[in-house]
Amino acid sequence: MQRHFQMLADYNHWANNRVYDGCAALSGEDYRADRGAFFGSAHRTLNHLLVADRIWLRRITGIGTAPMELNVILFEDFAELRAARKAEDDRFIALTKSLSPQDFERAVTYTPVSNPVPVTDPLAGMLAHVFNHQTHHRGQIHTILTSLGQPSIVLDMIAFLRIDGKHWMS
């Protein structure tokens, strides 16, 4: 199970880089314009992903800052946002490498942002959610990019496994 989550963390980092590269090609106006995604713009969606990851990492590790609202803009500047994204991706990679097989079964109790009632989930389920959540919102950003005439970005995990992630195939 550890190897599987390490692969997901590495894939997540790879895919995030590709999405940020795509967003870097946009004008500031297009990058910030509301395009109908759940959080509106590419900028707001990228910030949401960073917010959510900080919340989840704080729940899992007890370390780091975690906003209490899902639509907070942590960084207005694209370069700063990208650097913060890389730092969170690095944290997920380090986390998945540090976990023992027993850790994945560990129950984590936390209070959701949207509901004051504490819940308890297994760490493996939480991590699966985090990586799926990233994929969901990267898809929205991909739609924003292609609707603005940008080239389609290959984000399929199999592409990661075949090109950049060959070590996962062995």
Protein backbone atom coordinates (compact mmCIF):
# COMPACT_ATOMS: atom_id res chain seq x y z
CA MET A 1 0.00 0.00 0.00
CA GLN A 2 2.86 2.39 0.75
CA ARG A 3 4.25 2.03 -2.78
CA HIS A 4 0.81 2.75 -4.24
CA PHE A 5 0.46 6.01 -2.29
CA GLN A 6 4.04 6.98 -3.10
CA MET A 7 3.12 6.58 -6.77
CA LEU A 8 0.02 8.76 -6.28
CA ALA A 9 2.05 11.47 -4.54
CA ASP A 10 4.64 11.47 -7.36
CA TYR A 11 1.91 11.48 -10.01
CA ASN A 12 0.16 14.33 -8.21
CA HIS A 13 3.36 16.40 -8.29
CA TRP A 14 3.93 15.62 -11.98
CA ALA A 15 0.34 16.51 -12.94
CA ASN A 16 0.36 19.71 -10.88
CA ASN A 17 3.53 20.84 -12.69
CA ARG A 18 1.84 20.28 -16.02
CA VAL A 19 -1.26 22.25 -15.00
CA TYR A 20 0.85 25.12 -13.67
CA ASP A 21 2.82 25.15 -16.94
CA GLY A 22 -0.50 25.45 -18.79
CA CYS A 23 -1.71 28.27 -16.56
CA ALA A 24 1.59 30.11 -16.97
CA ALA A 25 0.77 30.51 -20.67
CA LEU A 26 -2.45 32.42 -19.91
CA SER A 27 -2.76 36.18 -19.76
CA GLY A 28 -3.40 37.53 -16.27
CA GLU A 29 -6.95 38.38 -17.30
CA ASP A 30 -7.72 34.86 -18.57
CA TYR A 31 -6.03 33.25 -15.58
CA ARG A 32 -8.23 35.22 -13.14
CA ALA A 33 -11.50 35.31 -15.12
CA ASP A 34 -14.48 33.37 -13.83
CA ARG A 35 -14.90 30.48 -16.27
CA GLY A 36 -17.68 28.62 -14.46
CA ALA A 37 -15.55 26.12 -12.55
CA PHE A 38 -16.63 25.37 -8.99
CA PHE A 39 -14.23 28.02 -7.67
CA GLY A 40 -14.60 30.19 -10.78
CA SER A 41 -11.18 30.87 -12.22
CA ALA A 42 -7.99 28.90 -12.67
CA HIS A 43 -6.40 31.16 -10.03
CA ARG A 44 -9.11 30.52 -7.45
CA THR A 45 -9.12 26.77 -8.19
CA LEU A 46 -5.35 26.47 -7.76
CA ASN A 47 -5.61 28.36 -4.47
CA HIS A 48 -8.44 26.06 -3.34
CA LEU A 49 -6.31 22.99 -4.00
CA LEU A 50 -3.50 24.44 -1.91
CA VAL A 51 -5.94 25.33 0.89
CA ALA A 52 -7.46 21.85 0.88
CA ASP A 53 -4.07 20.15 0.91
CA ARG A 54 -2.91 22.27 3.82
CA ILE A 55 -6.07 21.34 5.72
CA TRP A 56 -5.58 17.63 5.03
CA LEU A 57 -1.88 17.67 5.86
CA ARG A 58 -2.59 19.46 9.12
CA ARG A 59 -5.19 16.81 9.99
CA ILE A 60 -2.85 13.96 9.11
CA THR A 61 0.42 15.27 10.55
CA GLY A 62 -0.61 17.93 13.04
CA ILE A 63 1.95 20.23 11.38
CA GLY A 64 1.44 23.35 9.30
CA THR A 65 -1.12 26.07 8.90
CA ALA A 66 -4.62 25.32 7.75
CA PRO A 67 -7.19 27.92 6.70
CA MET A 68 -10.73 27.36 7.94
CA GLU A 69 -12.42 28.33 4.67
CA LEU A 70 -12.12 26.46 1.38
CA ASN A 71 -12.19 29.53 -0.86
CA VAL A 72 -9.36 31.52 0.75
CA ILE A 73 -6.86 33.10 -1.61
CA LEU A 74 -3.50 32.25 -0.06
CA PHE A 75 -1.39 33.78 -2.82
CA GLU A 76 -2.31 36.44 -5.37
CA ASP A 77 1.05 36.08 -7.11
CA PHE A 78 1.27 33.10 -9.49
CA ALA A 79 4.98 32.41 -8.83
CA GLU A 80 4.44 32.38 -5.07
CA LEU A 81 1.41 30.11 -5.46
CA ARG A 82 3.41 27.73 -7.63
CA ALA A 83 6.28 27.62 -5.11
CA ALA A 84 3.80 26.89 -2.31
CA ARG A 85 2.20 24.14 -4.42
CA LYS A 86 5.58 22.49 -4.91
CA ALA A 87 6.23 22.65 -1.17
CA GLU A 88 2.91 20.91 -0.41
CA ASP A 89 3.57 18.28 -3.08
CA ASP A 90 6.97 17.68 -1.49
CA ARG A 91 5.25 17.27 1.89
CA PHE A 92 2.90 14.61 0.46
CA ILE A 93 5.82 12.78 -1.14
CA ALA A 94 7.75 12.81 2.15
CA LEU A 95 4.65 11.73 4.07
CA THR A 96 3.95 8.73 1.86
CA LYS A 97 7.59 7.65 2.10
CA SER A 98 7.50 7.87 5.90
CA LEU A 99 4.41 5.73 6.49
CA SER A 100 4.54 2.11 7.61
CA PRO A 101 1.94 -0.42 6.44
CA GLN A 102 0.19 -0.09 9.81
CA ASP A 103 -0.02 3.70 9.49
CA PHE A 104 -2.47 3.41 6.60
CA GLU A 105 -4.99 1.74 8.91
CA ARG A 106 -4.59 4.43 11.57
CA ALA A 107 -7.80 6.26 12.39
CA VAL A 108 -7.65 10.04 12.24
CA THR A 109 -10.29 12.12 14.01
CA TYR A 110 -10.86 15.68 12.85
CA THR A 111 -13.57 18.31 12.53
CA PRO A 112 -14.55 19.06 8.91
CA VAL A 113 -14.55 22.67 7.75
CA SER A 114 -18.21 22.44 6.73
CA ASN A 115 -19.55 20.59 9.79
CA PRO A 116 -18.70 21.06 13.49
CA VAL A 117 -19.22 17.35 14.24
CA PRO A 118 -15.93 15.41 14.54
CA VAL A 119 -15.46 12.44 12.21
CA THR A 120 -12.97 9.60 12.13
CA ASP A 121 -11.52 8.16 8.92
CA PRO A 122 -8.72 5.72 8.12
CA LEU A 123 -5.58 7.43 6.85
CA ALA A 124 -5.63 5.40 3.62
CA GLY A 125 -9.10 6.70 2.79
CA MET A 126 -8.07 10.26 3.57
CA LEU A 127 -5.05 10.04 1.28
CA ALA A 128 -7.14 8.47 -1.50
CA HIS A 129 -9.55 11.39 -1.18
CA VAL A 130 -6.76 13.99 -1.31
CA PHE A 131 -5.32 12.64 -4.54
CA ASN A 132 -8.76 12.16 -6.11
CA HIS A 133 -9.72 15.71 -5.10
CA GLN A 134 -6.62 17.04 -6.86
CA THR A 135 -7.53 15.12 -10.02
CA HIS A 136 -11.09 16.46 -9.93
CA HIS A 137 -10.06 20.11 -9.79
CA ARG A 138 -7.15 19.71 -12.22
CA GLY A 139 -9.79 18.50 -14.67
CA GLN A 140 -11.69 21.75 -14.18
CA ILE A 141 -8.53 23.76 -14.83
CA HIS A 142 -7.85 21.65 -17.92
CA THR A 143 -11.31 22.60 -19.20
CA ILE A 144 -10.59 26.27 -18.54
CA LEU A 145 -7.31 26.03 -20.45
CA THR A 146 -8.76 24.27 -23.49
CA SER A 147 -11.79 26.61 -23.57
CA LEU A 148 -9.30 29.47 -23.87
CA GLY A 149 -7.60 27.81 -26.85
CA GLN A 150 -4.63 26.40 -24.95
CA PRO A 151 -3.32 22.98 -25.97
CA SER A 152 -4.80 20.00 -24.19
CA ILE A 153 -2.54 18.79 -21.39
CA VAL A 154 -1.93 15.08 -21.02
CA LEU A 155 -2.69 14.32 -17.38
CA ASP A 156 -3.44 10.60 -17.58
CA MET A 157 -1.66 8.58 -14.93
CA ILE A 158 -0.64 6.03 -17.53
CA ALA A 159 1.30 8.79 -19.33
CA PHE A 160 3.12 9.50 -16.06
CA LEU A 161 3.86 5.81 -15.64
CA ARG A 162 5.12 5.44 -19.20
CA ILE A 163 7.20 8.63 -19.45
CA ASP A 164 8.30 10.13 -16.15
CA GLY A 165 7.42 7.35 -13.78
CA LYS A 166 9.16 4.35 -15.34
CA HIS A 167 10.43 3.33 -11.88
CA TRP A 168 6.81 2.62 -10.91
CA MET A 169 6.50 -0.01 -13.62
CA SER A 170 9.08 -2.34 -12.08
